[in-house]
PDB file of N, CA and C in Angstrom:
ATOM      1  N   MET A   1     -16.432  21.733 -20.143  1.00  0.00           N
ATOM      2  CA  MET A   1     -15.830  20.890 -20.028  1.00  0.00           C
ATOM      3  C   MET A   1     -15.377  20.259 -18.723  1.00  0.00           C
ATOM      4  N   THR A   2     -15.325  18.999 -18.691  1.00  0.00           N
ATOM      5  CA  THR A   2     -15.274  18.148 -17.228  1.00  0.00           C
ATOM      6  C   THR A   2     -14.173  18.257 -16.173  1.00  0.00           C
ATOM      7  N   LYS A   3     -14.388  17.880 -15.393  1.00  0.00           N
ATOM      8  CA  LYS A   3     -13.384  17.610 -14.204  1.00  0.00           C
ATOM      9  C   LYS A   3     -12.010  17.328 -15.103  1.00  0.00           C
ATOM     10  N   LEU A   4     -12.441  16.266 -15.354  1.00  0.00           N
ATOM     11  CA  LEU A   4     -11.431  15.313 -15.740  1.00  0.00           C
ATOM     12  C   LEU A   4     -10.428  15.423 -16.857  1.00  0.00           C
ATOM     13  N   GLU A   5     -11.671  16.153 -17.742  1.00  0.00           N
ATOM     14  CA  GLU A   5     -10.908  16.828 -19.105  1.00  0.00           C
ATOM     15  C   GLU A   5      -9.965  17.787 -19.119  1.00  0.00           C
ATOM     16  N   LYS A   6     -10.225  19.233 -17.721  1.00  0.00           N
ATOM     17  CA  LYS A   6      -9.698  19.994 -17.318  1.00  0.00           C
ATOM     18  C   LYS A   6      -8.502  19.377 -16.817  1.00  0.00           C
ATOM     19  N   LEU A   7      -8.103  18.253 -16.068  1.00  0.00           N
ATOM     20  CA  LEU A   7      -7.050  17.761 -15.311  1.00  0.00           C
ATOM     21  C   LEU A   7      -6.459  17.362 -16.334  1.00  0.00           C
ATOM     22  N   VAL A   8      -6.922  16.865 -17.588  1.00  0.00           N
ATOM     23  CA  VAL A   8      -5.681  16.374 -18.646  1.00  0.00           C
ATOM     24  C   VAL A   8      -5.250  17.957 -19.330  1.00  0.00           C
ATOM     25  N   GLU A   9      -5.747  18.649 -19.256  1.00  0.00           N
ATOM     26  CA  GLU A   9      -5.573  20.266 -20.352  1.00  0.00           C
ATOM     27  C   GLU A   9      -4.634  20.571 -19.709  1.00  0.00           C
ATOM     28  N   GLU A  10      -4.765  20.637 -18.241  1.00  0.00           N
ATOM     29  CA  GLU A  10      -3.769  20.431 -16.856  1.00  0.00           C
ATOM     30  C   GLU A  10      -2.332  19.653 -17.086  1.00  0.00           C
ATOM     31  N   PHE A  11      -2.336  18.609 -17.052  1.00  0.00           N
ATOM     32  CA  PHE A  11      -1.149  18.073 -17.469  1.00  0.00           C
ATOM     33  C   PHE A  11      -0.774  18.107 -18.936  1.00  0.00           C
ATOM     34  N   ALA A  12      -1.397  18.502 -19.490  1.00  0.00           N
ATOM     35  CA  ALA A  12      -0.873  18.309 -20.778  1.00  0.00           C
ATOM     36  C   ALA A  12      -0.263  19.672 -20.960  1.00  0.00           C
ATOM     37  N   GLU A  13      -0.562  21.154 -20.811  1.00  0.00           N
ATOM     38  CA  GLU A  13      -0.576  22.262 -20.752  1.00  0.00           C
ATOM     39  C   GLU A  13       1.431  22.286 -19.629  1.00  0.00           C
ATOM     40  N   ASN A  14       0.955  21.471 -18.679  1.00  0.00           N
ATOM     41  CA  ASN A  14       2.414  21.844 -17.597  1.00  0.00           C
ATOM     42  C   ASN A  14       3.449  20.640 -18.461  1.00  0.00           C
ATOM     43  N   VAL A  15       3.151  19.661 -18.969  1.00  0.00           N
ATOM     44  CA  VAL A  15       4.228  18.747 -19.725  1.00  0.00           C
ATOM     45  C   VAL A  15       5.118  19.382 -20.718  1.00  0.00           C
ATOM     46  N   ALA A  16       4.375  20.393 -21.572  1.00  0.00           N
ATOM     47  CA  ALA A  16       4.794  21.354 -22.994  1.00  0.00           C
ATOM     48  C   ALA A  16       5.622  22.440 -22.075  1.00  0.00           C
ATOM     49  N   ALA A  17       5.276  22.934 -20.642  1.00  0.00           N
ATOM     50  CA  ALA A  17       5.856  24.423 -20.040  1.00  0.00           C
ATOM     51  C   ALA A  17       6.551  23.844 -19.620  1.00  0.00           C
ATOM     52  N   GLN A  18       6.790  22.296 -19.270  1.00  0.00           N
ATOM     53  CA  GLN A  18       7.812  21.823 -18.368  1.00  0.00           C
ATOM     54  C   GLN A  18       9.451  21.938 -19.479  1.00  0.00           C
ATOM     55  N   THR A  19       8.917  21.274 -20.894  1.00  0.00           N
ATOM     56  CA  THR A  19      10.140  21.125 -22.126  1.00  0.00           C
ATOM     57  C   THR A  19      10.512  22.204 -22.140  1.00  0.00           C
ATOM     58  N   ALA A  20       9.523  23.403 -22.322  1.00  0.00           N
ATOM     59  CA  ALA A  20      10.115  24.740 -22.960  1.00  0.00           C
ATOM     60  C   ALA A  20      10.784  25.474 -21.930  1.00  0.00           C
ATOM     61  N   ALA A  21      10.762  25.252 -20.592  1.00  0.00           N
ATOM     62  CA  ALA A  21      11.754  25.962 -20.050  1.00  0.00           C
ATOM     63  C   ALA A  21      13.005  25.023 -19.819  1.00  0.00           C
ATOM     64  N   ILE A  22      13.005  23.615 -19.583  1.00  0.00           N
ATOM     65  CA  ILE A  22      14.242  23.212 -19.663  1.00  0.00           C
ATOM     66  C   ILE A  22      14.967  23.271 -21.055  1.00  0.00           C
ATOM     67  N   PHE A  23      14.362  23.444 -22.282  1.00  0.00           N
ATOM     68  CA  PHE A  23      15.192  24.286 -23.580  1.00  0.00           C
ATOM     69  C   PHE A  23      15.734  25.554 -23.231  1.00  0.00           C
ATOM     70  N   ARG A  24      14.850  26.806 -22.639  1.00  0.00           N
ATOM     71  CA  ARG A  24      15.569  27.958 -22.075  1.00  0.00           C
ATOM     72  C   ARG A  24      16.542  27.315 -20.814  1.00  0.00           C
ATOM     73  N   GLY A  25      16.845  26.403 -19.936  1.00  0.00           N
ATOM     74  CA  GLY A  25      17.947  26.214 -19.345  1.00  0.00           C
ATOM     75  C   GLY A  25      17.087  26.660 -17.966  1.00  0.00           C
ATOM     76  N   ASP A  26      15.672  26.763 -17.816  1.00  0.00           N
ATOM     77  CA  ASP A  26      14.935  26.987 -16.769  1.00  0.00           C
ATOM     78  C   ASP A  26      14.755  26.279 -15.624  1.00  0.00           C
ATOM     79  N   ALA A  27      15.530  25.688 -15.110  1.00  0.00           N
ATOM     80  CA  ALA A  27      15.355  23.962 -14.176  1.00  0.00           C
ATOM     81  C   ALA A  27      14.045  24.178 -13.878  1.00  0.00           C
ATOM     82  N   ARG A  28      14.746  25.726 -12.732  1.00  0.00           N
ATOM     83  CA  ARG A  28      13.100  25.515 -11.569  1.00  0.00           C
ATOM     84  C   ARG A  28      12.001  25.924 -12.385  1.00  0.00           C
ATOM     85  N   THR A  29      11.873  26.877 -13.614  1.00  0.00           N
ATOM     86  CA  THR A  29      10.332  26.874 -13.794  1.00  0.00           C
ATOM     87  C   THR A  29      10.130  25.209 -14.128  1.00  0.00           C
ATOM     88  N   GLY A  30      11.072  24.661 -14.869  1.00  0.00           N
ATOM     89  CA  GLY A  30      11.006  23.284 -15.045  1.00  0.00           C
ATOM     90  C   GLY A  30      10.427  21.937 -14.087  1.00  0.00           C
ATOM     91  N   ASN A  31      11.166  22.349 -12.832  1.00  0.00           N
ATOM     92  CA  ASN A  31      10.281  21.662 -12.293  1.00  0.00           C
ATOM     93  C   ASN A  31       8.807  21.986 -11.347  1.00  0.00           C
ATOM     94  N   LYS A  32       8.789  23.300 -11.617  1.00  0.00           N
ATOM     95  CA  LYS A  32       7.413  23.802 -11.039  1.00  0.00           C
ATOM     96  C   LYS A  32       6.661  23.308 -12.266  1.00  0.00           C
ATOM     97  N   HIS A  33       6.291  23.043 -13.666  1.00  0.00           N
ATOM     98  CA  HIS A  33       5.278  22.269 -14.345  1.00  0.00           C
ATOM     99  C   HIS A  33       5.557  21.253 -13.930  1.00  0.00           C
ATOM    100  N   ALA A  34       6.550  20.471 -13.783  1.00  0.00           N
ATOM    101  CA  ALA A  34       6.316  18.997 -13.410  1.00  0.00           C
ATOM    102  C   ALA A  34       5.905  18.529 -12.317  1.00  0.00           C
ATOM    103  N   ASN A  35       6.042  19.338 -11.253  1.00  0.00           N
ATOM    104  CA  ASN A  35       4.753  19.391 -10.174  1.00  0.00           C
ATOM    105  C   ASN A  35       3.506  19.218 -10.062  1.00  0.00           C
ATOM    106  N   LYS A  36       3.438  20.011 -11.473  1.00  0.00           N
ATOM    107  CA  LYS A  36       2.045  20.365 -11.570  1.00  0.00           C
ATOM    108  C   LYS A  36       1.356  19.262 -12.446  1.00  0.00           C
ATOM    109  N   TYR A  37       1.876  18.348 -12.896  1.00  0.00           N
ATOM    110  CA  TYR A  37       1.380  17.530 -13.980  1.00  0.00           C
ATOM    111  C   TYR A  37       1.450  16.323 -13.330  1.00  0.00           C
ATOM    112  N   VAL A  38       2.304  16.205 -12.295  1.00  0.00           N
ATOM    113  CA  VAL A  38       2.183  15.021 -11.599  1.00  0.00           C
ATOM    114  C   VAL A  38       1.111  15.258 -10.178  1.00  0.00           C
ATOM    115  N   ALA A  39       0.771  16.103 -10.051  1.00  0.00           N
ATOM    116  CA  ALA A  39      -0.014  16.539  -9.336  1.00  0.00           C
ATOM    117  C   ALA A  39      -1.732  16.166  -9.959  1.00  0.00           C
ATOM    118  N   ALA A  40      -1.151  16.785 -11.120  1.00  0.00           N
ATOM    119  CA  ALA A  40      -2.469  15.957 -12.620  1.00  0.00           C
ATOM    120  C   ALA A  40      -2.798  15.104 -12.164  1.00  0.00           C
ATOM    121  N   PHE A  41      -1.901  14.158 -12.355  1.00  0.00           N
ATOM    122  CA  PHE A  41      -2.138  12.715 -12.673  1.00  0.00           C
ATOM    123  C   PHE A  41      -2.379  12.492 -11.561  1.00  0.00           C
ATOM    124  N   LYS A  42      -2.351  12.755  -9.954  1.00  0.00           N
ATOM    125  CA  LYS A  42      -2.434  12.095  -9.169  1.00  0.00           C
ATOM    126  C   LYS A  42      -4.144  12.374  -8.801  1.00  0.00           C
ATOM    127  N   LYS A  43      -4.440  13.552  -9.223  1.00  0.00           N
ATOM    128  CA  LYS A  43      -6.473  13.312  -9.521  1.00  0.00           C
ATOM    129  C   LYS A  43      -6.469  12.812 -10.350  1.00  0.00           C
ATOM    130  N   LEU A  44      -6.201  12.601 -11.444  1.00  0.00           N
ATOM    131  CA  LEU A  44      -6.520  11.514 -12.587  1.00  0.00           C
ATOM    132  C   LEU A  44      -6.896   9.954 -11.924  1.00  0.00           C
ATOM    133  N   ARG A  45      -5.870   9.821 -11.287  1.00  0.00           N
ATOM    134  CA  ARG A  45      -5.590   8.524 -10.797  1.00  0.00           C
ATOM    135  C   ARG A  45      -6.280   7.962  -9.901  1.00  0.00           C
ATOM    136  N   ALA A  46      -7.096   9.326  -9.005  1.00  0.00           N
ATOM    137  CA  ALA A  46      -7.703   8.972  -7.887  1.00  0.00           C
ATOM    138  C   ALA A  46      -9.508   8.889  -8.425  1.00  0.00           C
ATOM    139  N   HIS A  47      -9.432   9.133  -9.330  1.00  0.00           N
ATOM    140  CA  HIS A  47     -10.728   8.932 -10.033  1.00  0.00           C
ATOM    141  C   HIS A  47     -10.692   7.695 -11.163  1.00  0.00           C
ATOM    142  N   GLY A  48      -9.846   6.755 -10.466  1.00  0.00           N
ATOM    143  CA  GLY A  48      -9.513   5.321 -11.654  1.00  0.00           C
ATOM    144  C   GLY A  48      -9.315   4.974 -12.747  1.00  0.00           C
ATOM    145  N   ASN A  49      -9.712   4.320 -13.466  1.00  0.00           N
ATOM    146  CA  ASN A  49      -9.839   3.587 -14.585  1.00  0.00           C
ATOM    147  C   ASN A  49     -10.500   5.167 -15.481  1.00  0.00           C
ATOM    148  N   ALA A  50     -11.476   5.750 -15.249  1.00  0.00           N
ATOM    149  CA  ALA A  50     -11.779   6.803 -15.435  1.00  0.00           C
ATOM    150  C   ALA A  50     -11.031   7.564 -15.833  1.00  0.00           C
ATOM    151  N   GLY A  51     -10.444   8.160 -15.274  1.00  0.00           N
ATOM    152  CA  GLY A  51      -9.085   8.953 -15.170  1.00  0.00           C
ATOM    153  C   GLY A  51      -8.118   8.558 -16.371  1.00  0.00           C
ATOM    154  N   ARG A  52      -7.800   7.533 -15.683  1.00  0.00           N
ATOM    155  CA  ARG A  52      -6.862   7.211 -17.070  1.00  0.00           C
ATOM    156  C   ARG A  52      -7.414   6.931 -18.200  1.00  0.00           C
ATOM    157  N   ASP A  53      -8.200   6.830 -18.324  1.00  0.00           N
ATOM    158  CA  ASP A  53      -8.965   6.736 -20.010  1.00  0.00           C
ATOM    159  C   ASP A  53      -8.653   8.138 -20.477  1.00  0.00           C
ATOM    160  N   ALA A  54      -9.408   9.043 -19.365  1.00  0.00           N
ATOM    161  CA  ALA A  54      -9.156  10.597 -19.950  1.00  0.00           C
ATOM    162  C   ALA A  54      -7.879  10.605 -20.066  1.00  0.00           C
ATOM    163  N   LEU A  55      -6.950  10.494 -19.860  1.00  0.00           N
ATOM    164  CA  LEU A  55      -4.855  11.040 -19.736  1.00  0.00           C
ATOM    165  C   LEU A  55      -5.237  10.232 -21.237  1.00  0.00           C
ATOM    166  N   ALA A  56      -5.776   9.314 -21.725  1.00  0.00           N
ATOM    167  CA  ALA A  56      -5.438   8.673 -22.751  1.00  0.00           C
ATOM    168  C   ALA A  56      -5.698   8.594 -24.162  1.00  0.00           C
ATOM    169  N   ALA A  57      -6.235  10.068 -24.227  1.00  0.00           N
ATOM    170  CA  ALA A  57      -7.324  10.646 -25.118  1.00  0.00           C
ATOM    171  C   ALA A  57      -5.933  11.664 -25.913  1.00  0.00           C
ATOM    172  N   LEU A  58      -4.360  11.981 -24.660  1.00  0.00           N
ATOM    173  CA  LEU A  58      -3.472  12.067 -25.389  1.00  0.00           C
ATOM    174  C   LEU A  58      -2.742  11.181 -25.642  1.00  0.00           C
ATOM    175  N   PHE A  59      -2.569   9.992 -26.182  1.00  0.00           N
ATOM    176  CA  PHE A  59      -2.366   9.787 -27.210  1.00  0.00           C
ATOM    177  C   PHE A  59      -2.013  10.033 -28.439  1.00  0.00           C
ATOM    178  N   THR A  60      -3.206  10.810 -28.358  1.00  0.00           N
ATOM    179  CA  THR A  60      -2.907  11.315 -30.400  1.00  0.00           C
ATOM    180  C   THR A  60      -2.439  13.334 -30.575  1.00  0.00           C
ATOM    181  N   HIS A  61      -2.231  13.468 -28.826  1.00  0.00           N
ATOM    182  CA  HIS A  61      -1.594  15.144 -28.674  1.00  0.00           C
ATOM    183  C   HIS A  61      -0.828  15.399 -30.037  1.00  0.00           C
ATOM    184  N   PRO A  62      -1.010  16.290 -30.933  1.00  0.00           N
ATOM    185  CA  PRO A  62       0.301  16.650 -31.592  1.00  0.00           C
ATOM    186  C   PRO A  62       1.596  17.024 -31.412  1.00  0.00           C
ATOM    187  N   ASN A  63       1.675  17.194 -29.784  1.00  0.00           N
ATOM    188  CA  ASN A  63       3.112  17.393 -28.892  1.00  0.00           C
ATOM    189  C   ASN A  63       3.541  15.959 -28.560  1.00  0.00           C
ATOM    190  N   PRO A  64       4.991  15.639 -29.323  1.00  0.00           N
ATOM    191  CA  PRO A  64       5.108  14.618 -29.011  1.00  0.00           C
ATOM    192  C   PRO A  64       5.828  14.103 -27.460  1.00  0.00           C
ATOM    193  N   ASP A  65       6.307  15.598 -27.081  1.00  0.00           N
ATOM    194  CA  ASP A  65       6.627  15.113 -25.289  1.00  0.00           C
ATOM    195  C   ASP A  65       5.236  14.859 -24.512  1.00  0.00           C
ATOM    196  N   VAL A  66       3.928  15.752 -25.066  1.00  0.00           N
ATOM    197  CA  VAL A  66       2.268  15.488 -24.321  1.00  0.00           C
ATOM    198  C   VAL A  66       2.456  13.805 -24.248  1.00  0.00           C
ATOM    199  N   ARG A  67       2.207  13.467 -25.547  1.00  0.00           N
ATOM    200  CA  ARG A  67       1.931  12.706 -25.959  1.00  0.00           C
ATOM    201  C   ARG A  67       2.503  11.190 -25.576  1.00  0.00           C
ATOM    202  N   THR A  68       3.475  11.438 -25.121  1.00  0.00           N
ATOM    203  CA  THR A  68       5.034  10.234 -24.830  1.00  0.00           C
ATOM    204  C   THR A  68       5.072   9.952 -23.298  1.00  0.00           C
ATOM    205  N   THR A  69       4.642  11.377 -22.865  1.00  0.00           N
ATOM    206  CA  THR A  69       4.916  11.062 -21.095  1.00  0.00           C
ATOM    207  C   THR A  69       3.245  10.693 -20.827  1.00  0.00           C
ATOM    208  N   ALA A  70       2.041  11.024 -21.789  1.00  0.00           N
ATOM    209  CA  ALA A  70       1.118  10.379 -21.231  1.00  0.00           C
ATOM    210  C   ALA A  70       1.111   8.863 -20.988  1.00  0.00           C
ATOM    211  N   ALA A  71       2.043   8.219 -22.718  1.00  0.00           N
ATOM    212  CA  ALA A  71       2.026   6.999 -22.677  1.00  0.00           C
ATOM    213  C   ALA A  71       2.805   6.444 -21.594  1.00  0.00           C
ATOM    214  N   ALA A  72       4.120   7.311 -20.985  1.00  0.00           N
ATOM    215  CA  ALA A  72       4.918   6.664 -20.261  1.00  0.00           C
ATOM    216  C   ALA A  72       4.380   6.171 -18.542  1.00  0.00           C
ATOM    217  N   TYR A  73       3.641   7.517 -18.226  1.00  0.00           N
ATOM    218  CA  TYR A  73       2.083   7.161 -16.872  1.00  0.00           C
ATOM    219  C   TYR A  73       1.615   5.779 -17.719  1.00  0.00           C
ATOM    220  N   LEU A  74       0.813   6.179 -18.335  1.00  0.00           N
ATOM    221  CA  LEU A  74       0.224   4.907 -18.736  1.00  0.00           C
ATOM    222  C   LEU A  74       0.650   3.227 -19.270  1.00  0.00           C
ATOM    223  N   LEU A  75       1.234   3.115 -18.746  1.00  0.00           N
ATOM    224  CA  LEU A  75       2.201   2.201 -19.285  1.00  0.00           C
ATOM    225  C   LEU A  75       1.717   0.484 -18.613  1.00  0.00           C
ATOM    226  N   ARG A  76       1.282   0.276 -17.580  1.00  0.00           N
ATOM    227  CA  ARG A  76       0.812  -0.014 -16.885  1.00  0.00           C
ATOM    228  C   ARG A  76      -0.890  -0.524 -17.146  1.00  0.00           C
ATOM    229  N   TYR A  77      -1.542   0.172 -17.271  1.00  0.00           N
ATOM    230  CA  TYR A  77      -3.485   0.107 -17.592  1.00  0.00           C
ATOM    231  C   TYR A  77      -2.927   0.091 -19.196  1.00  0.00           C
ATOM    232  N   ARG A  78      -2.429   0.432 -20.314  1.00  0.00           N
ATOM    233  CA  ARG A  78      -2.509   0.588 -21.479  1.00  0.00           C
ATOM    234  C   ARG A  78      -1.559   0.331 -22.129  1.00  0.00           C
ATOM    235  N   THR A  79      -0.695  -0.808 -21.450  1.00  0.00           N
ATOM    236  CA  THR A  79       0.880  -1.437 -22.224  1.00  0.00           C
ATOM    237  C   THR A  79       0.344  -1.357 -23.571  1.00  0.00           C
ATOM    238  N   VAL A  80      -0.040  -2.183 -24.877  1.00  0.00           N
ATOM    239  CA  VAL A  80       0.464  -2.413 -26.036  1.00  0.00           C
ATOM    240  C   VAL A  80       0.458  -0.590 -26.514  1.00  0.00           C
ATOM    241  N   GLU A  81      -0.745   0.218 -26.050  1.00  0.00           N
ATOM    242  CA  GLU A  81      -0.930   1.040 -26.919  1.00  0.00           C
ATOM    243  C   GLU A  81      -0.003   2.357 -26.431  1.00  0.00           C
ATOM    244  N   ALA A  82       0.368   2.063 -25.458  1.00  0.00           N
ATOM    245  CA  ALA A  82       1.403   3.199 -24.254  1.00  0.00           C
ATOM    246  C   ALA A  82       3.062   2.645 -24.658  1.00  0.00           C
ATOM    247  N   LYS A  83       2.836   1.557 -25.483  1.00  0.00           N
ATOM    248  CA  LYS A  83       4.833   0.875 -25.683  1.00  0.00           C
ATOM    249  C   LYS A  83       4.571   1.218 -27.162  1.00  0.00           C
ATOM    250  N   ALA A  84       3.550   1.047 -28.037  1.00  0.00           N
ATOM    251  CA  ALA A  84       3.669   1.208 -29.414  1.00  0.00           C
ATOM    252  C   ALA A  84       4.264   3.147 -29.380  1.00  0.00           C
ATOM    253  N   ILE A  85       3.667   3.919 -28.334  1.00  0.00           N
ATOM    254  CA  ILE A  85       3.950   5.073 -28.742  1.00  0.00           C
ATOM    255  C   ILE A  85       5.057   5.760 -28.624  1.00  0.00           C
ATOM    256  N   LEU A  86       5.647   4.727 -27.345  1.00  0.00           N
ATOM    257  CA  LEU A  86       6.927   5.013 -26.615  1.00  0.00           C
ATOM    258  C   LEU A  86       8.091   4.693 -27.815  1.00  0.00           C
ATOM    259  N   GLU A  87       8.153   3.243 -28.330  1.00  0.00           N
ATOM    260  CA  GLU A  87       8.691   2.920 -29.019  1.00  0.00           C
ATOM    261  C   GLU A  87       9.075   3.126 -30.887  1.00  0.00           C
ATOM    262  N   GLU A  88       8.137   4.430 -30.857  1.00  0.00           N
ATOM    263  CA  GLU A  88       8.268   5.055 -32.190  1.00  0.00           C
ATOM    264  C   GLU A  88       8.772   6.148 -31.860  1.00  0.00           C
ATOM    265  N   ALA A  89       8.618   6.794 -31.019  1.00  0.00           N
ATOM    266  CA  ALA A  89       9.643   8.002 -30.316  1.00  0.00           C
ATOM    267  C   ALA A  89      10.723   7.737 -29.880  1.00  0.00           C
ATOM    268  N   ALA A  90      10.882   6.534 -29.641  1.00  0.00           N
ATOM    269  CA  ALA A  90      12.237   6.323 -29.115  1.00  0.00           C
ATOM    270  C   ALA A  90      13.263   5.863 -30.527  1.00  0.00           C
ATOM    271  N   ARG A  91      12.607   5.577 -31.781  1.00  0.00           N
ATOM    272  CA  ARG A  91      13.198   5.500 -33.146  1.00  0.00           C
ATOM    273  C   ARG A  91      14.134   6.903 -33.645  1.00  0.00           C
ATOM    274  N   GLY A  92      13.021   8.162 -32.211  1.00  0.00           N
ATOM    275  CA  GLY A  92      13.721   9.153 -33.128  1.00  0.00           C
ATOM    276  C   GLY A  92      14.625   9.526 -32.633  1.00  0.00           C
ATOM    277  N   LYS A  93      15.433  11.164 -32.242  1.00  0.00           N
ATOM    278  CA  LYS A  93      16.317  11.937 -31.904  1.00  0.00           C
ATOM    279  C   LYS A  93      16.182  12.787 -31.192  1.00  0.00           C
ATOM    280  N   GLY A  94      16.594  12.986 -29.754  1.00  0.00           N
ATOM    281  CA  GLY A  94      16.343  13.971 -28.851  1.00  0.00           C
ATOM    282  C   GLY A  94      15.872  13.984 -28.021  1.00  0.00           C
ATOM    283  N   LEU A  95      15.694  14.941 -27.102  1.00  0.00           N
ATOM    284  CA  LEU A  95      14.764  14.494 -25.483  1.00  0.00           C
ATOM    285  C   LEU A  95      14.007  13.750 -25.768  1.00  0.00           C
ATOM    286  N   VAL A  96      12.965  13.690 -26.786  1.00  0.00           N
ATOM    287  CA  VAL A  96      11.969  12.652 -26.503  1.00  0.00           C
ATOM    288  C   VAL A  96      12.145  11.136 -26.851  1.00  0.00           C
ATOM    289  N   ALA A  97      13.018  11.576 -27.939  1.00  0.00           N
ATOM    290  CA  ALA A  97      13.648   9.823 -27.944  1.00  0.00           C
ATOM    291  C   ALA A  97      14.683   9.138 -26.835  1.00  0.00           C
ATOM    292  N   PHE A  98      15.305   9.807 -26.411  1.00  0.00           N
ATOM    293  CA  PHE A  98      16.003   9.869 -25.128  1.00  0.00           C
ATOM    294  C   PHE A  98      14.844   9.084 -24.194  1.00  0.00           C
ATOM    295  N   GLU A  99      13.892  10.019 -23.687  1.00  0.00           N
ATOM    296  CA  GLU A  99      12.874   9.669 -22.445  1.00  0.00           C
ATOM    297  C   GLU A  99      12.072   8.693 -22.874  1.00  0.00           C
ATOM    298  N   SER A 100      11.586   8.023 -24.277  1.00  0.00           N
ATOM    299  CA  SER A 100      10.829   7.370 -24.618  1.00  0.00           C
ATOM    300  C   SER A 100      11.863   6.459 -24.754  1.00  0.00           C
ATOM    301  N   SER A 101      13.187   5.792 -24.906  1.00  0.00           N
ATOM    302  CA  SER A 101      13.595   4.734 -24.597  1.00  0.00           C
ATOM    303  C   SER A 101      14.284   4.188 -22.921  1.00  0.00           C
ATOM    304  N   GLU A 102      14.160   5.341 -22.377  1.00  0.00           N
ATOM    305  CA  GLU A 102      14.403   5.717 -20.942  1.00  0.00           C
ATOM    306  C   GLU A 102      13.275   4.673 -19.909  1.00  0.00           C
ATOM    307  N   ALA A 103      12.040   4.856 -20.206  1.00  0.00           N
ATOM    308  CA  ALA A 103      10.909   4.724 -19.613  1.00  0.00           C
ATOM    309  C   ALA A 103      10.726   2.894 -19.873  1.00  0.00           C
ATOM    310  N   LEU A 104      10.706   3.146 -21.325  1.00  0.00           N
ATOM    311  CA  LEU A 104      10.810   1.454 -21.710  1.00  0.00           C
ATOM    312  C   LEU A 104      11.530   0.372 -21.217  1.00  0.00           C
ATOM    313  N   LYS A 105      12.938   1.081 -21.143  1.00  0.00           N
ATOM    314  CA  LYS A 105      14.191   0.173 -20.514  1.00  0.00           C
ATOM    315  C   LYS A 105      13.279  -0.256 -19.054  1.00  0.00           C
ATOM    316  N   ARG A 106      12.821   1.220 -17.982  1.00  0.00           N
ATOM    317  CA  ARG A 106      12.187   0.767 -16.617  1.00  0.00           C
ATOM    318  C   ARG A 106      11.121  -0.221 -16.872  1.00  0.00           C
ATOM    319  N   TRP A 107      10.443   0.612 -17.785  1.00  0.00           N
ATOM    320  CA  TRP A 107       9.514  -0.790 -17.680  1.00  0.00           C
ATOM    321  C   TRP A 107       9.832  -2.309 -18.045  1.00  0.00           C
ATOM    322  N   GLU A 108      10.789  -2.686 -19.023  1.00  0.00           N
ATOM    323  CA  GLU A 108      11.406  -3.704 -19.459  1.00  0.00           C
ATOM    324  C   GLU A 108      11.854  -4.173 -17.731  1.00  0.00           C
ATOM    325  N   GLU A 109      13.091  -3.584 -17.225  1.00  0.00           N
ATOM    326  CA  GLU A 109      13.652  -4.184 -16.175  1.00  0.00           C
ATOM    327  C   GLU A 109      12.792  -4.279 -14.503  1.00  0.00           C
ATOM    328  N   GLY A 110      11.236  -3.852 -14.995  1.00  0.00           N
ATOM    329  CA  GLY A 110      10.621  -3.953 -13.773  1.00  0.00           C
ATOM    330  C   GLY A 110      11.039  -3.186 -12.881  1.00  0.00           C
ATOM    331  N   THR A 111      11.290  -1.948 -13.169  1.00  0.00           N
ATOM    332  CA  THR A 111      11.136  -0.767 -11.691  1.00  0.00           C
ATOM    333  C   THR A 111      10.483   0.322 -12.573  1.00  0.00           C
ATOM    334  N   TRP A 112       9.639   0.310 -13.519  1.00  0.00           N
ATOM    335  CA  TRP A 112       8.777   1.447 -13.726  1.00  0.00           C
ATOM    336  C   TRP A 112       7.683   1.542 -12.436  1.00  0.00           C
ATOM    337  N   ALA A 113       7.629   2.663 -11.931  1.00  0.00           N
ATOM    338  CA  ALA A 113       6.412   3.017 -11.047  1.00  0.00           C
ATOM    339  C   ALA A 113       5.820   3.865 -11.240  1.00  0.00           C
ATOM    340  N   LEU A 114       5.559   4.723 -12.346  1.00  0.00           N
ATOM    341  CA  LEU A 114       4.737   5.610 -12.369  1.00  0.00           C
ATOM    342  C   LEU A 114       3.450   5.791 -11.951  1.00  0.00           C
ATOM    343  N   ASP A 115       2.507   4.640 -12.204  1.00  0.00           N
ATOM    344  CA  ASP A 115       1.022   4.279 -11.370  1.00  0.00           C
ATOM    345  C   ASP A 115       1.098   2.698 -11.119  1.00  0.00           C
ATOM    346  N   PRO A 116       1.310   2.620 -10.276  1.00  0.00           N
ATOM    347  CA  PRO A 116       1.654   0.990  -9.394  1.00  0.00           C
ATOM    348  C   PRO A 116       0.059   0.338  -9.171  1.00  0.00           C
ATOM    349  N   GLU A 117       0.256  -0.376  -9.560  1.00  0.00           N
ATOM    350  CA  GLU A 117      -1.619  -1.089  -8.939  1.00  0.00           C
ATOM    351  C   GLU A 117      -1.673  -0.943  -7.297  1.00  0.00           C
TER     352      GLU A 117
END
């Protein structure tokens, strides 16, 4: 497994773990996992577009939280693909749908800033 693949795996594992912690009502643990996936993204971003391309592999991840979080982070870089993933999820119900619609709203408002140029 390459360094980038390990970072993508770390991102995915921590997104899923954060979601599990939230549903258990454990915000402290959820925040720790959020910090870890944000750190993984920053390391991926340090590799430029190669890191972003590696993260885009999660666009087909079976876990909707992982898939949509990756899409939210890659809105600027992979706009068409990322928006399609978020729009599909936003049509659903629950936390993933809400988070996806909020990401799209911030994008349309011009306030989205997860991966500025």
